[in-house]
């Protein structure tokens, strides 16, 4: 993954929101990193989510997600892409 990431998920009305921060190894925000989220369970695997670019703060937000497990990855030119990380939206 491009540097490091942190994720925070919450739900409202049965739907979830995932906020992801993409940083470089020094902790600096990576603007315009591409963040991809793919469902990892039968109930969300077929949902097609468009990749999201991080803002100047390094934050990308996914809205209106079905609860469940997802695989999260981030790419940024010049950085190694690591194995996707599993996140849970409740």
PDB file of N, CA and C in Angstrom:
ATOM      1  N   UNK A   1       0.846  -1.162   0.000  1.00  0.00           N
ATOM      2  CA  UNK A   1       0.000   0.000   0.000  1.00  0.00           C
ATOM      3  C   UNK A   1       0.893   1.227   0.000  1.00  0.00           C
ATOM      4  N   UNK A   2       0.435   2.259  -0.540  1.00  0.00           N
ATOM      5  CA  UNK A   2       1.215   3.493  -0.578  1.00  0.00           C
ATOM      6  C   UNK A   2       1.413   3.979   0.847  1.00  0.00           C
ATOM      7  N   UNK A   3       2.600   3.838   1.359  1.00  0.00           N
ATOM      8  CA  UNK A   3       2.849   4.258   2.731  1.00  0.00           C
ATOM      9  C   UNK A   3       1.979   3.489   3.694  1.00  0.00           C
ATOM     10  N   UNK A   4       1.334   4.172   4.604  1.00  0.00           N
ATOM     11  CA  UNK A   4       0.452   3.527   5.564  1.00  0.00           C
ATOM     12  C   UNK A   4      -0.967   4.002   5.366  1.00  0.00           C
ATOM     13  N   UNK A   5      -1.892   3.269   5.932  1.00  0.00           N
ATOM     14  CA  UNK A   5      -3.284   3.694   5.881  1.00  0.00           C
ATOM     15  C   UNK A   5      -3.914   3.494   7.241  1.00  0.00           C
ATOM     16  N   UNK A   6      -4.911   4.276   7.535  1.00  0.00           N
ATOM     17  CA  UNK A   6      -5.753   4.033   8.692  1.00  0.00           C
ATOM     18  C   UNK A   6      -7.182   4.158   8.201  1.00  0.00           C
ATOM     19  N   UNK A   7      -8.069   3.400   8.810  1.00  0.00           N
ATOM     20  CA  UNK A   7      -9.457   3.386   8.353  1.00  0.00           C
ATOM     21  C   UNK A   7     -10.386   3.503   9.547  1.00  0.00           C
ATOM     22  N   UNK A   8     -11.515   4.164   9.354  1.00  0.00           N
ATOM     23  CA  UNK A   8     -12.537   4.302  10.369  1.00  0.00           C
ATOM     24  C   UNK A   8     -13.884   4.086   9.699  1.00  0.00           C
ATOM     25  N   UNK A   9     -14.682   3.190  10.253  1.00  0.00           N
ATOM     26  CA  UNK A   9     -15.987   2.892   9.654  1.00  0.00           C
ATOM     27  C   UNK A   9     -17.093   3.122  10.670  1.00  0.00           C
ATOM     28  N   UNK A  10     -18.223   3.589  10.191  1.00  0.00           N
ATOM     29  CA  UNK A  10     -19.399   3.750  11.026  1.00  0.00           C
ATOM     30  C   UNK A  10     -20.638   3.560  10.173  1.00  0.00           C
ATOM     31  N   UNK A  11     -21.770   3.307  10.825  1.00  0.00           N
ATOM     32  CA  UNK A  11     -23.000   3.127  10.071  1.00  0.00           C
ATOM     33  C   UNK A  11     -24.079   4.078  10.557  1.00  0.00           C
ATOM     34  N   UNK A  12     -24.985   4.382   9.650  1.00  0.00           N
ATOM     35  CA  UNK A  12     -26.183   5.138   9.960  1.00  0.00           C
ATOM     36  C   UNK A  12     -27.288   4.515   9.134  1.00  0.00           C
ATOM     37  N   UNK A  13     -28.388   4.208   9.761  1.00  0.00           N
ATOM     38  CA  UNK A  13     -29.544   3.639   9.070  1.00  0.00           C
ATOM     39  C   UNK A  13     -29.178   2.361   8.317  1.00  0.00           C
ATOM     40  N   UNK A  14     -28.319   1.531   8.912  1.00  0.00           N
ATOM     41  CA  UNK A  14     -27.980   0.264   8.292  1.00  0.00           C
ATOM     42  C   UNK A  14     -26.962   0.353   7.169  1.00  0.00           C
ATOM     43  N   UNK A  15     -26.480   1.522   6.839  1.00  0.00           N
ATOM     44  CA  UNK A  15     -25.470   1.716   5.794  1.00  0.00           C
ATOM     45  C   UNK A  15     -24.217   2.283   6.442  1.00  0.00           C
ATOM     46  N   UNK A  16     -23.070   2.011   5.845  1.00  0.00           N
ATOM     47  CA  UNK A  16     -21.818   2.408   6.461  1.00  0.00           C
ATOM     48  C   UNK A  16     -21.065   3.484   5.714  1.00  0.00           C
ATOM     49  N   UNK A  17     -20.107   4.061   6.408  1.00  0.00           N
ATOM     50  CA  UNK A  17     -19.218   5.085   5.859  1.00  0.00           C
ATOM     51  C   UNK A  17     -17.806   4.703   6.269  1.00  0.00           C
ATOM     52  N   UNK A  18     -16.888   4.716   5.326  1.00  0.00           N
ATOM     53  CA  UNK A  18     -15.500   4.363   5.601  1.00  0.00           C
ATOM     54  C   UNK A  18     -14.609   5.531   5.228  1.00  0.00           C
ATOM     55  N   UNK A  19     -13.819   5.988   6.190  1.00  0.00           N
ATOM     56  CA  UNK A  19     -12.867   7.071   5.983  1.00  0.00           C
ATOM     57  C   UNK A  19     -11.473   6.471   6.070  1.00  0.00           C
ATOM     58  N   UNK A  20     -10.651   6.722   5.046  1.00  0.00           N
ATOM     59  CA  UNK A  20      -9.317   6.144   4.948  1.00  0.00           C
ATOM     60  C   UNK A  20      -8.293   7.269   4.809  1.00  0.00           C
ATOM     61  N   UNK A  21      -7.211   7.205   5.569  1.00  0.00           N
ATOM     62  CA  UNK A  21      -6.117   8.159   5.438  1.00  0.00           C
ATOM     63  C   UNK A  21      -4.901   7.435   4.876  1.00  0.00           C
ATOM     64  N   UNK A  22      -4.364   7.932   3.773  1.00  0.00           N
ATOM     65  CA  UNK A  22      -3.182   7.337   3.138  1.00  0.00           C
ATOM     66  C   UNK A  22      -1.998   8.255   3.398  1.00  0.00           C
ATOM     67  N   UNK A  23      -0.925   7.665   3.957  1.00  0.00           N
ATOM     68  CA  UNK A  23       0.267   8.448   4.300  1.00  0.00           C
ATOM     69  C   UNK A  23       1.526   7.777   3.763  1.00  0.00           C
ATOM     70  N   UNK A  24       2.599   8.557   3.681  1.00  0.00           N
ATOM     71  CA  UNK A  24       3.893   7.995   3.303  1.00  0.00           C
ATOM     72  C   UNK A  24       4.582   7.458   4.570  1.00  0.00           C
ATOM     73  N   UNK A  25       5.753   6.836   4.447  1.00  0.00           N
ATOM     74  CA  UNK A  25       6.415   6.256   5.623  1.00  0.00           C
ATOM     75  C   UNK A  25       6.738   7.263   6.729  1.00  0.00           C
ATOM     76  N   UNK A  26       6.820   8.549   6.410  1.00  0.00           N
ATOM     77  CA  UNK A  26       7.095   9.565   7.432  1.00  0.00           C
ATOM     78  C   UNK A  26       5.819  10.085   8.094  1.00  0.00           C
ATOM     79  N   UNK A  27       4.655   9.628   7.612  1.00  0.00           N
ATOM     80  CA  UNK A  27       3.383  10.090   8.155  1.00  0.00           C
ATOM     81  C   UNK A  27       2.766  11.226   7.375  1.00  0.00           C
ATOM     82  N   UNK A  28       3.416  11.656   6.302  1.00  0.00           N
ATOM     83  CA  UNK A  28       2.878  12.738   5.479  1.00  0.00           C
ATOM     84  C   UNK A  28       1.712  12.264   4.625  1.00  0.00           C
ATOM     85  N   UNK A  29       0.714  13.102   4.473  1.00  0.00           N
ATOM     86  CA  UNK A  29      -0.472  12.766   3.675  1.00  0.00           C
ATOM     87  C   UNK A  29      -0.104  12.622   2.202  1.00  0.00           C
ATOM     88  N   UNK A  30      -0.758  11.673   1.531  1.00  0.00           N
ATOM     89  CA  UNK A  30      -0.559  11.477   0.095  1.00  0.00           C
ATOM     90  C   UNK A  30      -1.812  11.897  -0.668  1.00  0.00           C
ATOM     91  N   UNK A  31      -1.854  13.137  -1.164  1.00  0.00           N
ATOM     92  CA  UNK A  31      -3.000  13.574  -1.963  1.00  0.00           C
ATOM     93  C   UNK A  31      -2.993  12.879  -3.317  1.00  0.00           C
ATOM     94  N   UNK A  32      -4.139  12.647  -3.839  1.00  0.00           N
ATOM     95  CA  UNK A  32      -4.400  12.005  -5.140  1.00  0.00           C
ATOM     96  C   UNK A  32      -3.971  10.535  -5.203  1.00  0.00           C
ATOM     97  N   UNK A  33      -3.810   9.883  -4.048  1.00  0.00           N
ATOM     98  CA  UNK A  33      -3.602   8.426  -4.050  1.00  0.00           C
ATOM     99  C   UNK A  33      -4.926   7.777  -4.452  1.00  0.00           C
ATOM    100  N   UNK A  34      -4.870   6.666  -5.148  1.00  0.00           N
ATOM    101  CA  UNK A  34      -6.074   5.950  -5.562  1.00  0.00           C
ATOM    102  C   UNK A  34      -6.389   4.869  -4.529  1.00  0.00           C
ATOM    103  N   UNK A  35      -7.586   4.944  -3.956  1.00  0.00           N
ATOM    104  CA  UNK A  35      -8.010   3.986  -2.938  1.00  0.00           C
ATOM    105  C   UNK A  35      -9.117   3.126  -3.528  1.00  0.00           C
ATOM    106  N   UNK A  36      -8.936   1.805  -3.406  1.00  0.00           N
ATOM    107  CA  UNK A  36      -9.886   0.848  -3.953  1.00  0.00           C
ATOM    108  C   UNK A  36     -10.469   0.016  -2.821  1.00  0.00           C
ATOM    109  N   UNK A  37     -11.776  -0.218  -2.871  1.00  0.00           N
ATOM    110  CA  UNK A  37     -12.483  -1.007  -1.877  1.00  0.00           C
ATOM    111  C   UNK A  37     -13.288  -2.073  -2.599  1.00  0.00           C
ATOM    112  N   UNK A  38     -13.091  -3.331  -2.202  1.00  0.00           N
ATOM    113  CA  UNK A  38     -13.766  -4.468  -2.838  1.00  0.00           C
ATOM    114  C   UNK A  38     -14.424  -5.305  -1.750  1.00  0.00           C
ATOM    115  N   UNK A  39     -15.674  -5.717  -1.960  1.00  0.00           N
ATOM    116  CA  UNK A  39     -16.363  -6.561  -1.002  1.00  0.00           C
ATOM    117  C   UNK A  39     -15.673  -7.911  -0.837  1.00  0.00           C
ATOM    118  N   UNK A  40     -15.648  -8.406   0.410  1.00  0.00           N
ATOM    119  CA  UNK A  40     -14.988  -9.676   0.711  1.00  0.00           C
ATOM    120  C   UNK A  40     -15.972 -10.736   1.199  1.00  0.00           C
ATOM    121  N   UNK A  41     -17.268 -10.457   1.124  1.00  0.00           N
ATOM    122  CA  UNK A  41     -18.292 -11.395   1.581  1.00  0.00           C
ATOM    123  C   UNK A  41     -19.337 -11.567   0.492  1.00  0.00           C
ATOM    124  N   UNK A  42     -20.109 -12.632   0.608  1.00  0.00           N
ATOM    125  CA  UNK A  42     -21.131 -12.939  -0.402  1.00  0.00           C
ATOM    126  C   UNK A  42     -22.120 -11.783  -0.581  1.00  0.00           C
ATOM    127  N   UNK A  43     -22.492 -11.075   0.504  1.00  0.00           N
ATOM    128  CA  UNK A  43     -23.493 -10.009   0.397  1.00  0.00           C
ATOM    129  C   UNK A  43     -22.962  -8.717  -0.215  1.00  0.00           C
ATOM    130  N   UNK A  44     -21.629  -8.564  -0.345  1.00  0.00           N
ATOM    131  CA  UNK A  44     -21.111  -7.309  -0.903  1.00  0.00           C
ATOM    132  C   UNK A  44     -20.080  -7.524  -2.016  1.00  0.00           C
ATOM    133  N   UNK A  45     -19.798  -8.763  -2.354  1.00  0.00           N
ATOM    134  CA  UNK A  45     -18.755  -9.061  -3.340  1.00  0.00           C
ATOM    135  C   UNK A  45     -19.122  -8.578  -4.740  1.00  0.00           C
ATOM    136  N   UNK A  46     -20.387  -8.560  -5.087  1.00  0.00           N
ATOM    137  CA  UNK A  46     -20.798  -8.183  -6.438  1.00  0.00           C
ATOM    138  C   UNK A  46     -21.016  -6.677  -6.599  1.00  0.00           C
ATOM    139  N   UNK A  47     -20.961  -5.929  -5.500  1.00  0.00           N
ATOM    140  CA  UNK A  47     -21.143  -4.479  -5.570  1.00  0.00           C
ATOM    141  C   UNK A  47     -19.888  -3.857  -6.167  1.00  0.00           C
ATOM    142  N   UNK A  48     -20.059  -3.031  -7.192  1.00  0.00           N
ATOM    143  CA  UNK A  48     -18.935  -2.374  -7.854  1.00  0.00           C
ATOM    144  C   UNK A  48     -18.784  -0.960  -7.309  1.00  0.00           C
ATOM    145  N   UNK A  49     -17.687  -0.738  -6.603  1.00  0.00           N
ATOM    146  CA  UNK A  49     -17.399   0.584  -6.054  1.00  0.00           C
ATOM    147  C   UNK A  49     -16.316   1.253  -6.884  1.00  0.00           C
ATOM    148  N   UNK A  50     -16.546   2.483  -7.253  1.00  0.00           N
ATOM    149  CA  UNK A  50     -15.545   3.231  -8.018  1.00  0.00           C
ATOM    150  C   UNK A  50     -14.382   3.585  -7.101  1.00  0.00           C
ATOM    151  N   UNK A  51     -13.141   3.506  -7.598  1.00  0.00           N
ATOM    152  CA  UNK A  51     -11.994   3.951  -6.792  1.00  0.00           C
ATOM    153  C   UNK A  51     -12.159   5.429  -6.437  1.00  0.00           C
ATOM    154  N   UNK A  52     -11.583   5.816  -5.298  1.00  0.00           N
ATOM    155  CA  UNK A  52     -11.673   7.188  -4.813  1.00  0.00           C
ATOM    156  C   UNK A  52     -10.256   7.755  -4.693  1.00  0.00           C
ATOM    157  N   UNK A  53     -10.086   9.004  -5.125  1.00  0.00           N
ATOM    158  CA  UNK A  53      -8.804   9.696  -4.951  1.00  0.00           C
ATOM    159  C   UNK A  53      -8.800  10.404  -3.602  1.00  0.00           C
ATOM    160  N   UNK A  54      -7.655  10.377  -2.928  1.00  0.00           N
ATOM    161  CA  UNK A  54      -7.557  11.079  -1.657  1.00  0.00           C
ATOM    162  C   UNK A  54      -7.526  12.588  -1.885  1.00  0.00           C
ATOM    163  N   UNK A  55      -8.029  13.310  -0.902  1.00  0.00           N
ATOM    164  CA  UNK A  55      -7.999  14.781  -0.920  1.00  0.00           C
ATOM    165  C   UNK A  55      -6.584  15.242  -0.552  1.00  0.00           C
ATOM    166  N   UNK A  56      -6.364  16.536  -0.511  1.00  0.00           N
ATOM    167  CA  UNK A  56      -5.047  17.061  -0.144  1.00  0.00           C
ATOM    168  C   UNK A  56      -4.644  16.620   1.263  1.00  0.00           C
ATOM    169  N   UNK A  57      -5.603  16.259   2.083  1.00  0.00           N
ATOM    170  CA  UNK A  57      -5.352  15.780   3.449  1.00  0.00           C
ATOM    171  C   UNK A  57      -4.966  14.302   3.474  1.00  0.00           C
ATOM    172  N   UNK A  58      -5.015  13.619   2.318  1.00  0.00           N
ATOM    173  CA  UNK A  58      -4.738  12.186   2.264  1.00  0.00           C
ATOM    174  C   UNK A  58      -5.930  11.322   2.604  1.00  0.00           C
ATOM    175  N   UNK A  59      -7.099  11.922   2.759  1.00  0.00           N
ATOM    176  CA  UNK A  59      -8.296  11.192   3.173  1.00  0.00           C
ATOM    177  C   UNK A  59      -9.183  10.869   1.976  1.00  0.00           C
ATOM    178  N   UNK A  60      -9.675   9.632   1.953  1.00  0.00           N
ATOM    179  CA  UNK A  60     -10.673   9.188   0.976  1.00  0.00           C
ATOM    180  C   UNK A  60     -11.876   8.662   1.765  1.00  0.00           C
ATOM    181  N   UNK A  61     -13.075   8.941   1.279  1.00  0.00           N
ATOM    182  CA  UNK A  61     -14.285   8.531   1.986  1.00  0.00           C
ATOM    183  C   UNK A  61     -15.178   7.726   1.049  1.00  0.00           C
ATOM    184  N   UNK A  62     -15.646   6.589   1.554  1.00  0.00           N
ATOM    185  CA  UNK A  62     -16.637   5.760   0.856  1.00  0.00           C
ATOM    186  C   UNK A  62     -17.925   5.852   1.657  1.00  0.00           C
ATOM    187  N   UNK A  63     -19.036   6.174   0.984  1.00  0.00           N
ATOM    188  CA  UNK A  63     -20.331   6.364   1.638  1.00  0.00           C
ATOM    189  C   UNK A  63     -21.302   5.244   1.264  1.00  0.00           C
ATOM    190  N   UNK A  64     -22.329   5.076   2.074  1.00  0.00           N
ATOM    191  CA  UNK A  64     -23.470   4.210   1.769  1.00  0.00           C
ATOM    192  C   UNK A  64     -23.051   2.755   1.537  1.00  0.00           C
ATOM    193  N   UNK A  65     -22.192   2.216   2.407  1.00  0.00           N
ATOM    194  CA  UNK A  65     -21.697   0.851   2.261  1.00  0.00           C
ATOM    195  C   UNK A  65     -22.567  -0.142   3.033  1.00  0.00           C
ATOM    196  N   UNK A  66     -22.775  -1.307   2.459  1.00  0.00           N
ATOM    197  CA  UNK A  66     -23.446  -2.382   3.165  1.00  0.00           C
ATOM    198  C   UNK A  66     -22.505  -2.874   4.260  1.00  0.00           C
ATOM    199  N   UNK A  67     -23.018  -3.216   5.440  1.00  0.00           N
ATOM    200  CA  UNK A  67     -22.150  -3.749   6.489  1.00  0.00           C
ATOM    201  C   UNK A  67     -21.444  -5.014   6.008  1.00  0.00           C
ATOM    202  N   UNK A  68     -20.233  -5.238   6.494  1.00  0.00           N
ATOM    203  CA  UNK A  68     -19.490  -6.446   6.145  1.00  0.00           C
ATOM    204  C   UNK A  68     -18.004  -6.176   6.020  1.00  0.00           C
ATOM    205  N   UNK A  69     -17.290  -7.203   5.561  1.00  0.00           N
ATOM    206  CA  UNK A  69     -15.846  -7.099   5.384  1.00  0.00           C
ATOM    207  C   UNK A  69     -15.518  -6.653   3.967  1.00  0.00           C
ATOM    208  N   UNK A  70     -14.477  -5.839   3.841  1.00  0.00           N
ATOM    209  CA  UNK A  70     -14.007  -5.328   2.559  1.00  0.00           C
ATOM    210  C   UNK A  70     -12.492  -5.459   2.491  1.00  0.00           C
ATOM    211  N   UNK A  71     -11.959  -5.486   1.284  1.00  0.00           N
ATOM    212  CA  UNK A  71     -10.514  -5.442   1.072  1.00  0.00           C
ATOM    213  C   UNK A  71     -10.164  -4.058   0.564  1.00  0.00           C
ATOM    214  N   UNK A  72      -9.233  -3.410   1.240  1.00  0.00           N
ATOM    215  CA  UNK A  72      -8.839  -2.038   0.983  1.00  0.00           C
ATOM    216  C   UNK A  72      -7.423  -2.007   0.430  1.00  0.00           C
ATOM    217  N   UNK A  73      -7.222  -1.254  -0.641  1.00  0.00           N
ATOM    218  CA  UNK A  73      -5.862  -1.059  -1.150  1.00  0.00           C
ATOM    219  C   UNK A  73      -5.717   0.388  -1.613  1.00  0.00           C
ATOM    220  N   UNK A  74      -4.456   0.852  -1.609  1.00  0.00           N
ATOM    221  CA  UNK A  74      -4.159   2.218  -2.045  1.00  0.00           C
ATOM    222  C   UNK A  74      -2.924   2.186  -2.915  1.00  0.00           C
ATOM    223  N   UNK A  75      -2.938   2.997  -3.975  1.00  0.00           N
ATOM    224  CA  UNK A  75      -1.796   3.092  -4.881  1.00  0.00           C
ATOM    225  C   UNK A  75      -1.407   4.560  -5.040  1.00  0.00           C
ATOM    226  N   UNK A  76      -0.089   4.770  -5.125  1.00  0.00           N
ATOM    227  CA  UNK A  76       0.433   6.108  -5.360  1.00  0.00           C
ATOM    228  C   UNK A  76       1.731   5.953  -6.132  1.00  0.00           C
ATOM    229  N   UNK A  77       1.881   6.690  -7.204  1.00  0.00           N
ATOM    230  CA  UNK A  77       3.064   6.589  -8.058  1.00  0.00           C
ATOM    231  C   UNK A  77       4.340   6.746  -7.239  1.00  0.00           C
ATOM    232  N   UNK A  78       5.269   5.822  -7.446  1.00  0.00           N
ATOM    233  CA  UNK A  78       6.544   5.871  -6.755  1.00  0.00           C
ATOM    234  C   UNK A  78       6.593   5.098  -5.453  1.00  0.00           C
ATOM    235  N   UNK A  79       5.452   4.545  -5.026  1.00  0.00           N
ATOM    236  CA  UNK A  79       5.398   3.766  -3.795  1.00  0.00           C
ATOM    237  C   UNK A  79       5.010   2.324  -4.114  1.00  0.00           C
ATOM    238  N   UNK A  80       5.510   1.401  -3.321  1.00  0.00           N
ATOM    239  CA  UNK A  80       5.188  -0.012  -3.474  1.00  0.00           C
ATOM    240  C   UNK A  80       3.728  -0.253  -3.098  1.00  0.00           C
ATOM    241  N   UNK A  81       3.037  -1.096  -3.883  1.00  0.00           N
ATOM    242  CA  UNK A  81       1.671  -1.493  -3.555  1.00  0.00           C
ATOM    243  C   UNK A  81       1.743  -2.767  -2.736  1.00  0.00           C
ATOM    244  N   UNK A  82       1.183  -2.736  -1.545  1.00  0.00           N
ATOM    245  CA  UNK A  82       1.212  -3.884  -0.653  1.00  0.00           C
ATOM    246  C   UNK A  82      -0.067  -4.698  -0.766  1.00  0.00           C
ATOM    247  N   UNK A  83      -0.081  -5.827  -0.122  1.00  0.00           N
ATOM    248  CA  UNK A  83      -1.252  -6.706  -0.072  1.00  0.00           C
ATOM    249  C   UNK A  83      -2.454  -5.936   0.484  1.00  0.00           C
ATOM    250  N   UNK A  84      -3.659  -6.129  -0.103  1.00  0.00           N
ATOM    251  CA  UNK A  84      -4.849  -5.423   0.413  1.00  0.00           C
ATOM    252  C   UNK A  84      -5.092  -5.742   1.899  1.00  0.00           C
ATOM    253  N   UNK A  85      -5.591  -4.762   2.599  1.00  0.00           N
ATOM    254  CA  UNK A  85      -5.898  -4.884   4.017  1.00  0.00           C
ATOM    255  C   UNK A  85      -7.399  -5.106   4.201  1.00  0.00           C
ATOM    256  N   UNK A  86      -7.767  -6.000   5.110  1.00  0.00           N
ATOM    257  CA  UNK A  86      -9.182  -6.245   5.387  1.00  0.00           C
ATOM    258  C   UNK A  86      -9.685  -5.219   6.397  1.00  0.00           C
ATOM    259  N   UNK A  87     -10.859  -4.638   6.095  1.00  0.00           N
ATOM    260  CA  UNK A  87     -11.524  -3.716   7.012  1.00  0.00           C
ATOM    261  C   UNK A  87     -12.964  -4.175   7.172  1.00  0.00           C
ATOM    262  N   UNK A  88     -13.586  -3.815   8.280  1.00  0.00           N
ATOM    263  CA  UNK A  88     -14.973  -4.197   8.534  1.00  0.00           C
ATOM    264  C   UNK A  88     -15.825  -2.947   8.712  1.00  0.00           C
ATOM    265  N   UNK A  89     -16.940  -2.930   8.024  1.00  0.00           N
ATOM    266  CA  UNK A  89     -17.943  -1.863   8.179  1.00  0.00           C
ATOM    267  C   UNK A  89     -19.102  -2.498   8.945  1.00  0.00           C
ATOM    268  N   UNK A  90     -19.461  -1.881  10.039  1.00  0.00           N
ATOM    269  CA  UNK A  90     -20.557  -2.428  10.880  1.00  0.00           C
ATOM    270  C   UNK A  90     -21.802  -1.602  10.753  1.00  0.00           C
TER     271      UNK A  90
END
